[in-house]
Amino acid sequence: MRAVLVIFSTIRTALLIIAAIPFVYYGIAIFSSLRFFFRAKPRTREFLPPVSVLKPVRGLDLEAYENFASFCRQDYPDYEILFCVGDSSDPALPLLEKLQGDFPGARIRILIGTGRNATNDKVAKLARLVEEASYEHLVINDSDVRVEPGYLRRIVAPMAEAGTGAVTCFYVPTEETSWVQRLQDVGMLSDFYPGILVAWQLDGVKFTLGPTICTTRTRLAEFSGYGSIENKPADDLWVGRLIAERGYEVVLLPYAISTVPDYQSFRELFSKRLRWITVMRHMRPWGHAGLIFTLGLPWALAAVAIEPTAAVAAGFLGGYFAVRCVLTLLVGLAGLRQRGVWAKLALIPAWDAVATLIWLTSFTSKSISWRGHKYAIVNGDLVPAKPAGSNSAVGVRTVAGE
């Protein structure tokens, strides 16, 4: 009997040690965040090459006009804006034409169609946009992005260094009008961005974030450009990875742009995050499995179930919440200067519960949904659940006098 008790005691101790592993991860995340946001910033000389801003568009996002118009108000000497829609029936086309009329001083071109038959419609549009761009330096971003007038100066500046292959940055919501949007923001500040900063600390930045990518035609051509990844998911991650693999630095700026939330319900948020993490499971299977040791809430609850004492509850549950709050405040308040972070700290356990459920669900997810279409991921490629129509019409509209 004594031997049995010793065995059970050993197992219990081992499980408590395993349950403490997320605290190691959180410690690394706090250190990484401190080092990233508060390191000495090297001075970058002013670098203002001509820039082509590339925007693939499909349908109308919320507040699309204001998003697009913010790019027409840039404090930058020489740049053009290229939009690409699938065909002339796209509802965004009249709005883009209005944009041309409202900003006659901006150089705006509207491309219609891609001339390609690709599964990833966004990447097919980007392939054509790169071909049509007038300039070597490219700034690529999504249609839900809104920026300040100094955006291009800030994003392009690091490209002055010869070893820089791409630049990317964080993003925060323009506003939060529901608890679902606040929950998403807590997830970004407490979970997604800390994970990015841990990756930066341990392995460098080998990815880019879709809301903003700055690179050059030359860097894209070195891996055969967007045409080589037009049937893959997560084009932003692929661009960063393929540029980094060629020995160039991918710079992550301590700077955030704004995006308009594209989800209105918990179901839409769950579907969006499940799509992200399912893609990650296919791109980085071992890293995806390792996320189990970053999920502090279930491990803290497991520790209390194993050893239901006040000391264990205070150490694991109390310690978990305290460390998560510190990390969220460090990233959201001190790092990204976002307002209202204090008021959202109570949502951290709710987000962690949702994140755990999404992670578990991802192991059973066999397809992803994007803009009303379903795709399977087969050998790293997107395969439409239903045949996608060919996007073959090609045209261009140019602002008068260009």
Protein backbone atom coordinates (compact mmCIF):
# COMPACT_ATOMS: atom_id res chain seq x y z
CA MET A 1 0.00 0.00 0.00
CA ARG A 2 2.84 2.37 0.86
CA ALA A 3 4.40 1.74 -2.56
CA VAL A 4 1.08 2.53 -4.26
CA LEU A 5 0.81 5.81 -2.33
CA VAL A 6 4.36 6.73 -3.36
CA ILE A 7 3.53 6.02 -7.00
CA PHE A 8 0.38 8.15 -6.85
CA SER A 9 2.28 10.94 -5.11
CA THR A 10 4.98 10.84 -7.79
CA ILE A 11 2.39 10.94 -10.58
CA ARG A 12 0.59 13.85 -8.90
CA THR A 13 3.83 15.79 -8.54
CA ALA A 14 4.75 15.09 -12.17
CA LEU A 15 1.36 16.32 -13.36
CA LEU A 16 1.67 19.50 -11.29
CA ILE A 17 5.09 20.14 -12.83
CA ILE A 18 3.62 19.67 -16.32
CA ALA A 19 0.75 22.00 -15.39
CA ALA A 20 3.33 24.66 -14.55
CA ILE A 21 4.90 24.62 -18.05
CA PRO A 22 2.62 27.41 -19.36
CA PHE A 23 4.18 29.71 -16.73
CA VAL A 24 7.54 29.13 -18.42
CA TYR A 25 6.00 30.12 -21.74
CA TYR A 26 4.39 33.21 -20.21
CA GLY A 27 7.72 34.19 -18.69
CA ILE A 28 9.38 33.97 -22.11
CA ALA A 29 6.50 35.97 -23.62
CA ILE A 30 6.87 38.75 -21.02
CA PHE A 31 10.64 38.89 -21.56
CA SER A 32 10.19 38.91 -25.34
CA SER A 33 7.60 41.69 -25.16
CA LEU A 34 9.78 43.83 -22.91
CA ARG A 35 12.78 43.37 -25.17
CA PHE A 36 10.80 44.06 -28.34
CA PHE A 37 8.92 47.18 -27.27
CA PHE A 38 11.57 48.78 -25.07
CA ARG A 39 14.82 47.96 -26.84
CA ALA A 40 16.85 50.89 -28.14
CA LYS A 41 15.43 51.85 -31.54
CA PRO A 42 18.10 52.30 -34.22
CA ARG A 43 17.75 55.45 -36.26
CA THR A 44 16.62 54.76 -39.80
CA ARG A 45 17.48 57.40 -42.38
CA GLU A 46 14.66 58.87 -44.41
CA PHE A 47 13.97 56.59 -47.34
CA LEU A 48 11.27 57.64 -49.79
CA PRO A 49 11.41 55.55 -52.97
CA PRO A 50 8.38 55.53 -55.30
CA VAL A 51 5.85 53.01 -54.02
CA SER A 52 3.03 50.94 -55.51
CA VAL A 53 0.24 50.19 -53.02
CA LEU A 54 -1.48 46.94 -54.00
CA LYS A 55 -5.01 46.13 -52.83
CA PRO A 56 -6.89 42.97 -53.88
CA VAL A 57 -10.62 43.55 -53.42
CA ARG A 58 -13.59 41.21 -53.33
CA GLY A 59 -16.95 42.69 -52.40
CA LEU A 60 -17.57 45.53 -49.98
CA ASP A 61 -16.17 45.46 -46.47
CA LEU A 62 -17.68 47.57 -43.72
CA GLU A 63 -16.57 51.21 -44.00
CA ALA A 64 -14.70 50.33 -47.20
CA TYR A 65 -14.72 53.88 -48.57
CA GLU A 66 -12.98 55.33 -45.50
CA ASN A 67 -10.48 52.48 -45.55
CA PHE A 68 -9.57 53.13 -49.18
CA ALA A 69 -9.65 56.92 -48.81
CA SER A 70 -7.07 56.78 -46.02
CA PHE A 71 -4.53 55.58 -48.60
CA CYS A 72 -5.29 58.59 -50.79
CA ARG A 73 -4.28 60.96 -47.98
CA GLN A 74 -0.72 59.77 -47.49
CA ASP A 75 2.06 62.20 -46.68
CA TYR A 76 4.37 60.60 -49.22
CA PRO A 77 5.96 62.18 -52.31
CA ASP A 78 5.49 59.54 -55.01
CA TYR A 79 3.10 56.61 -54.90
CA GLU A 80 0.30 54.94 -56.80
CA ILE A 81 -2.64 52.82 -55.63
CA LEU A 82 -3.70 49.74 -57.61
CA PHE A 83 -6.96 47.91 -56.90
CA CYS A 84 -7.94 44.58 -58.45
CA VAL A 85 -11.49 43.21 -58.53
CA GLY A 86 -12.56 39.89 -60.01
CA ASP A 87 -14.97 41.24 -62.63
CA SER A 88 -17.10 44.25 -63.52
CA SER A 89 -20.02 42.99 -61.40
CA ASP A 90 -18.08 43.31 -58.14
CA PRO A 91 -20.05 45.68 -55.85
CA ALA A 92 -16.81 47.41 -54.88
CA LEU A 93 -16.27 48.74 -58.42
CA PRO A 94 -18.66 51.76 -58.23
CA LEU A 95 -17.10 52.76 -54.91
CA LEU A 96 -13.59 52.57 -56.39
CA GLU A 97 -14.72 54.72 -59.33
CA LYS A 98 -16.12 57.24 -56.85
CA LEU A 99 -12.77 57.22 -55.09
CA GLN A 100 -11.08 58.19 -58.36
CA GLY A 101 -13.43 61.14 -58.74
CA ASP A 102 -13.09 62.27 -55.13
CA PHE A 103 -9.27 62.19 -55.17
CA PRO A 104 -8.25 63.46 -58.62
CA GLY A 105 -4.72 64.12 -57.41
CA ALA A 106 -4.16 60.50 -56.41
CA ARG A 107 -2.83 58.05 -58.96
CA ILE A 108 -5.41 55.26 -58.81
CA ARG A 109 -5.73 52.35 -61.19
CA ILE A 110 -8.48 49.73 -61.11
CA LEU A 111 -7.67 46.34 -62.59
CA ILE A 112 -10.51 44.02 -63.57
CA GLY A 113 -9.86 40.28 -63.58
CA THR A 114 -6.66 38.33 -63.17
CA GLY A 115 -6.30 36.19 -66.28
CA ARG A 116 -5.47 33.30 -63.94
CA ASN A 117 -7.26 30.17 -62.82
CA ALA A 118 -6.14 29.90 -59.20
CA THR A 119 -7.79 28.52 -56.09
CA ASN A 120 -6.72 31.43 -53.91
CA ASP A 121 -8.51 34.34 -55.55
CA LYS A 122 -6.72 36.95 -53.42
CA VAL A 123 -3.29 35.67 -54.43
CA ALA A 124 -4.28 35.55 -58.10
CA LYS A 125 -5.18 39.22 -57.83
CA LEU A 126 -1.88 39.98 -56.12
CA ALA A 127 0.00 38.21 -58.91
CA ARG A 128 -1.56 40.55 -61.46
CA LEU A 129 -1.13 43.61 -59.26
CA VAL A 130 2.60 42.95 -58.98
CA GLU A 131 2.86 42.58 -62.76
CA GLU A 132 1.03 45.89 -63.31
CA ALA A 133 2.82 47.86 -60.58
CA SER A 134 4.95 50.75 -61.83
CA TYR A 135 7.52 50.68 -59.05
CA GLU A 136 10.03 48.36 -57.40
CA HIS A 137 8.85 48.94 -53.84
CA LEU A 138 5.46 47.45 -53.00
CA VAL A 139 3.12 47.89 -50.06
CA ILE A 140 0.47 45.17 -49.89
CA ASN A 141 -2.52 45.28 -47.59
CA ASP A 142 -6.07 44.03 -47.12
CA SER A 143 -9.24 45.94 -47.95
CA ASP A 144 -10.29 46.28 -44.29
CA VAL A 145 -7.16 48.31 -43.39
CA ARG A 146 -7.27 52.00 -42.44
CA VAL A 147 -4.09 54.03 -41.98
CA GLU A 148 -2.79 57.39 -40.80
CA PRO A 149 -1.12 59.87 -43.23
CA GLY A 150 2.39 58.88 -42.10
CA TYR A 151 1.82 55.16 -42.74
CA LEU A 152 3.87 54.79 -45.94
CA ARG A 153 6.85 56.68 -44.51
CA ARG A 154 6.86 54.41 -41.45
CA ILE A 155 6.44 51.13 -43.33
CA VAL A 156 8.88 51.80 -46.17
CA ALA A 157 11.74 53.25 -44.07
CA PRO A 158 13.31 49.91 -42.95
CA MET A 159 13.69 48.89 -46.59
CA ALA A 160 16.62 51.34 -46.75
CA GLU A 161 18.79 48.58 -45.23
CA ALA A 162 20.20 46.26 -47.89
CA GLY A 163 19.52 43.14 -45.83
CA THR A 164 15.84 43.87 -45.30
CA GLY A 165 13.54 41.71 -47.41
CA ALA A 166 10.14 42.66 -46.02
CA VAL A 167 8.44 44.79 -43.36
CA THR A 168 5.24 44.03 -41.47
CA CYS A 169 3.44 45.37 -38.40
CA PHE A 170 0.67 44.79 -35.87
CA TYR A 171 -2.98 45.75 -36.29
CA VAL A 172 -5.74 46.81 -33.90
CA PRO A 173 -9.48 47.41 -34.43
CA THR A 174 -10.78 50.83 -35.42
CA GLU A 175 -13.44 50.47 -32.73
CA GLU A 176 -15.19 47.82 -30.66
CA THR A 177 -18.98 47.92 -30.63
CA SER A 178 -19.77 44.52 -29.11
CA TRP A 179 -18.47 42.09 -26.51
CA VAL A 180 -17.47 39.73 -29.35
CA GLN A 181 -15.13 42.35 -30.78
CA ARG A 182 -13.70 43.04 -27.33
CA LEU A 183 -13.16 39.31 -26.87
CA GLN A 184 -11.28 39.14 -30.17
CA ASP A 185 -9.10 42.08 -29.20
CA VAL A 186 -8.22 40.46 -25.87
CA GLY A 187 -7.27 37.34 -27.79
CA MET A 188 -4.94 39.32 -30.05
CA LEU A 189 -3.26 41.22 -27.20
CA SER A 190 -2.98 38.35 -24.73
CA ASP A 191 -2.47 35.37 -27.03
CA PHE A 192 -1.73 36.00 -30.71
CA TYR A 193 0.76 38.87 -30.40
CA PRO A 194 2.67 37.37 -27.45
CA GLY A 195 3.08 34.21 -29.54
CA ILE A 196 4.48 36.30 -32.39
CA LEU A 197 6.93 37.99 -30.03
CA VAL A 198 8.09 34.66 -28.62
CA ALA A 199 8.72 33.51 -32.20
CA TRP A 200 10.68 36.75 -32.82
CA GLN A 201 12.77 36.14 -29.72
CA LEU A 202 13.52 32.46 -30.32
CA ASP A 203 13.74 32.17 -34.10
CA GLY A 204 13.45 35.60 -35.67
CA VAL A 205 10.57 36.84 -37.81
CA LYS A 206 9.92 34.33 -40.58
CA PHE A 207 6.43 35.47 -41.50
CA THR A 208 4.52 38.57 -42.49
CA LEU A 209 1.06 39.68 -41.36
CA GLY A 210 -1.51 40.18 -44.12
CA PRO A 211 -2.82 43.64 -43.14
CA THR A 212 0.56 45.11 -44.12
CA ILE A 213 3.50 43.75 -46.11
CA CYS A 214 6.18 45.96 -47.61
CA THR A 215 8.68 44.31 -49.95
CA THR A 216 10.04 44.66 -53.48
CA ARG A 217 9.36 43.09 -56.85
CA THR A 218 12.90 41.67 -56.75
CA ARG A 219 12.40 39.87 -53.44
CA LEU A 220 9.12 38.38 -54.67
CA ALA A 221 10.69 37.30 -57.96
CA GLU A 222 13.40 35.39 -56.11
CA PHE A 223 10.82 32.78 -55.09
CA SER A 224 8.81 33.12 -58.34
CA GLY A 225 6.32 35.54 -56.82
CA TYR A 226 2.68 35.18 -55.96
CA GLY A 227 2.09 32.85 -58.89
CA SER A 228 4.04 30.16 -57.05
CA ILE A 229 1.70 30.26 -54.03
CA GLU A 230 -1.61 31.01 -55.73
CA ASN A 231 -3.07 27.66 -54.67
CA LYS A 232 -1.90 27.81 -51.05
CA PRO A 233 -3.55 29.23 -47.93
CA ALA A 234 -1.94 31.87 -45.71
CA ASP A 235 -0.16 33.80 -48.46
CA ASP A 236 1.10 36.34 -45.92
CA LEU A 237 2.91 33.66 -43.93
CA TRP A 238 4.35 32.16 -47.11
CA VAL A 239 5.71 35.50 -48.32
CA GLY A 240 7.56 36.09 -45.06
CA ARG A 241 8.83 32.52 -44.86
CA LEU A 242 10.10 32.40 -48.45
CA ILE A 243 11.85 35.77 -48.15
CA ALA A 244 13.46 34.80 -44.82
CA GLU A 245 14.63 31.47 -46.26
CA ARG A 246 16.70 33.44 -48.77
CA GLY A 247 18.64 35.12 -45.99
CA TYR A 248 16.80 38.44 -45.81
CA GLU A 249 15.52 40.02 -42.62
CA VAL A 250 11.77 40.37 -42.13
CA VAL A 251 11.26 43.43 -39.93
CA LEU A 252 8.36 43.50 -37.47
CA LEU A 253 7.69 47.10 -36.47
CA PRO A 254 6.48 48.16 -32.99
CA TYR A 255 3.67 49.98 -34.75
CA ALA A 256 -0.01 49.23 -35.31
CA ILE A 257 -2.40 50.08 -38.11
CA SER A 258 -6.20 49.87 -37.84
CA THR A 259 -8.59 47.29 -39.27
CA VAL A 260 -12.37 47.32 -39.37
CA PRO A 261 -13.74 44.19 -37.64
CA ASP A 262 -15.22 41.79 -40.20
CA TYR A 263 -17.24 39.68 -37.75
CA GLN A 264 -20.44 40.54 -35.92
CA SER A 265 -21.27 37.38 -33.99
CA PHE A 266 -19.47 34.85 -31.84
CA ARG A 267 -20.04 32.23 -34.53
CA GLU A 268 -18.27 34.38 -37.13
CA LEU A 269 -15.37 35.02 -34.76
CA PHE A 270 -15.06 31.32 -33.93
CA SER A 271 -15.08 30.43 -37.64
CA LYS A 272 -12.42 33.04 -38.43
CA ARG A 273 -10.04 31.92 -35.70
CA LEU A 274 -10.67 28.25 -36.50
CA ARG A 275 -9.66 28.97 -40.11
CA TRP A 276 -6.39 30.55 -38.96
CA ILE A 277 -5.43 27.77 -36.60
CA THR A 278 -6.45 24.99 -39.01
CA VAL A 279 -4.12 26.47 -41.61
CA MET A 280 -1.36 26.60 -38.97
CA ARG A 281 -1.95 22.93 -38.19
CA HIS A 282 -1.15 22.10 -41.80
CA MET A 283 1.80 24.50 -42.11
CA ARG A 284 3.45 23.79 -38.74
CA PRO A 285 2.03 20.53 -37.32
CA TRP A 286 4.53 20.15 -34.49
CA GLY A 287 4.27 23.78 -33.49
CA HIS A 288 0.50 23.46 -33.55
CA ALA A 289 0.60 20.43 -31.25
CA GLY A 290 2.99 22.29 -28.94
CA LEU A 291 0.36 24.96 -28.33
CA ILE A 292 -0.99 22.67 -25.62
CA PHE A 293 1.75 24.01 -23.33
CA THR A 294 0.71 27.64 -23.92
CA LEU A 295 -2.86 27.08 -22.71
CA GLY A 296 -2.62 28.20 -19.10
CA LEU A 297 -6.29 28.06 -18.09
CA PRO A 298 -6.97 24.34 -18.61
CA TRP A 299 -3.65 23.41 -16.98
CA ALA A 300 -4.40 25.64 -13.97
CA LEU A 301 -7.83 24.02 -13.61
CA ALA A 302 -6.23 20.58 -13.95
CA ALA A 303 -3.73 21.44 -11.20
CA VAL A 304 -6.55 22.41 -8.83
CA ALA A 305 -8.40 19.19 -9.68
CA ILE A 306 -5.25 17.15 -8.96
CA GLU A 307 -4.44 18.99 -5.71
CA PRO A 308 -7.57 20.83 -4.48
CA THR A 309 -5.95 23.02 -1.85
CA ALA A 310 -6.04 26.77 -1.26
CA ALA A 311 -2.31 27.04 -1.90
CA VAL A 312 -2.52 25.29 -5.29
CA ALA A 313 -5.60 27.31 -6.29
CA ALA A 314 -3.86 30.57 -5.38
CA GLY A 315 -0.60 29.56 -7.05
CA PHE A 316 -2.02 28.18 -10.27
CA LEU A 317 -5.33 30.01 -10.86
CA GLY A 318 -4.29 33.24 -9.16
CA GLY A 319 -0.83 33.14 -10.71
CA TYR A 320 -2.27 32.33 -14.14
CA PHE A 321 -4.62 35.31 -14.13
CA ALA A 322 -1.99 37.71 -12.74
CA VAL A 323 0.61 36.75 -15.35
CA ARG A 324 -1.92 36.90 -18.18
CA CYS A 325 -2.98 40.40 -17.10
CA VAL A 326 0.63 41.58 -16.96
CA LEU A 327 1.29 40.20 -20.45
CA THR A 328 -1.86 41.77 -21.91
CA LEU A 329 -1.12 45.18 -20.39
CA LEU A 330 2.48 45.00 -21.55
CA VAL A 331 1.54 44.29 -25.17
CA GLY A 332 -1.70 46.26 -25.47
CA LEU A 333 -1.13 49.26 -23.24
CA ALA A 334 2.63 49.79 -22.97
CA GLY A 335 3.57 48.37 -26.38
CA LEU A 336 0.75 49.24 -28.79
CA ARG A 337 -0.67 52.19 -26.82
CA GLN A 338 -4.21 50.88 -27.12
CA ARG A 339 -6.89 52.45 -24.97
CA GLY A 340 -9.35 50.53 -22.79
CA VAL A 341 -7.13 47.51 -22.12
CA TRP A 342 -7.72 47.63 -18.35
CA ALA A 343 -11.49 47.28 -18.86
CA LYS A 344 -11.06 44.10 -20.90
CA LEU A 345 -8.80 42.12 -18.55
CA ALA A 346 -11.76 40.23 -17.09
CA LEU A 347 -12.34 38.71 -20.54
CA ILE A 348 -8.96 36.94 -20.54
CA PRO A 349 -10.21 33.65 -18.99
CA ALA A 350 -13.19 33.70 -21.39
CA TRP A 351 -10.83 34.10 -24.34
CA ASP A 352 -8.52 31.35 -23.07
CA ALA A 353 -11.48 28.99 -22.77
CA VAL A 354 -12.52 29.81 -26.34
CA ALA A 355 -8.93 29.46 -27.59
CA THR A 356 -8.67 26.02 -25.99
CA LEU A 357 -11.93 24.95 -27.66
CA ILE A 358 -10.76 26.29 -31.04
CA TRP A 359 -7.44 24.44 -30.69
CA LEU A 360 -9.18 21.16 -29.89
CA THR A 361 -11.71 21.64 -32.71
CA SER A 362 -8.91 22.27 -35.21
CA PHE A 363 -7.83 18.63 -34.96
CA THR A 364 -11.22 17.58 -36.31
CA SER A 365 -11.55 20.35 -38.91
CA LYS A 366 -11.15 19.04 -42.45
CA SER A 367 -11.92 22.27 -44.30
CA ILE A 368 -11.81 26.03 -43.92
CA SER A 369 -14.35 28.70 -44.88
CA TRP A 370 -13.46 32.03 -46.44
CA ARG A 371 -15.86 34.61 -47.87
CA GLY A 372 -18.67 32.09 -48.24
CA HIS A 373 -16.55 29.37 -49.88
CA LYS A 374 -15.28 26.12 -48.39
CA TYR A 375 -11.84 24.67 -49.08
CA ALA A 376 -9.97 21.58 -48.05
CA ILE A 377 -6.20 21.64 -47.54
CA VAL A 378 -4.59 18.76 -49.40
CA ASN A 379 -0.79 18.39 -49.37
CA GLY A 380 -0.49 22.04 -48.40
CA ASP A 381 -2.71 23.30 -51.24
CA LEU A 382 -6.23 24.73 -51.17
CA VAL A 383 -8.80 22.55 -52.91
CA PRO A 384 -12.27 24.07 -53.34
CA ALA A 385 -15.15 22.02 -52.00
CA LYS A 386 -17.06 23.19 -55.08
CA PRO A 387 -15.46 24.08 -58.42
CA ALA A 388 -14.47 27.73 -58.45
CA GLY A 389 -15.29 29.77 -61.51
CA SER A 390 -12.43 30.94 -63.66
CA ASN A 391 -11.56 34.59 -63.29
CA SER A 392 -10.35 35.22 -66.80
CA ALA A 393 -11.55 38.66 -67.87
CA VAL A 394 -8.73 41.18 -67.89
CA GLY A 395 -9.03 44.95 -68.04
CA VAL A 396 -7.70 48.17 -66.55
CA ARG A 397 -9.17 51.54 -65.71
CA THR A 398 -6.85 54.45 -65.09
CA VAL A 399 -7.57 57.79 -63.48
CA ALA A 400 -7.94 60.54 -66.06
CA GLY A 401 -4.73 62.28 -67.01
CA GLU A 402 -2.41 59.60 -65.60
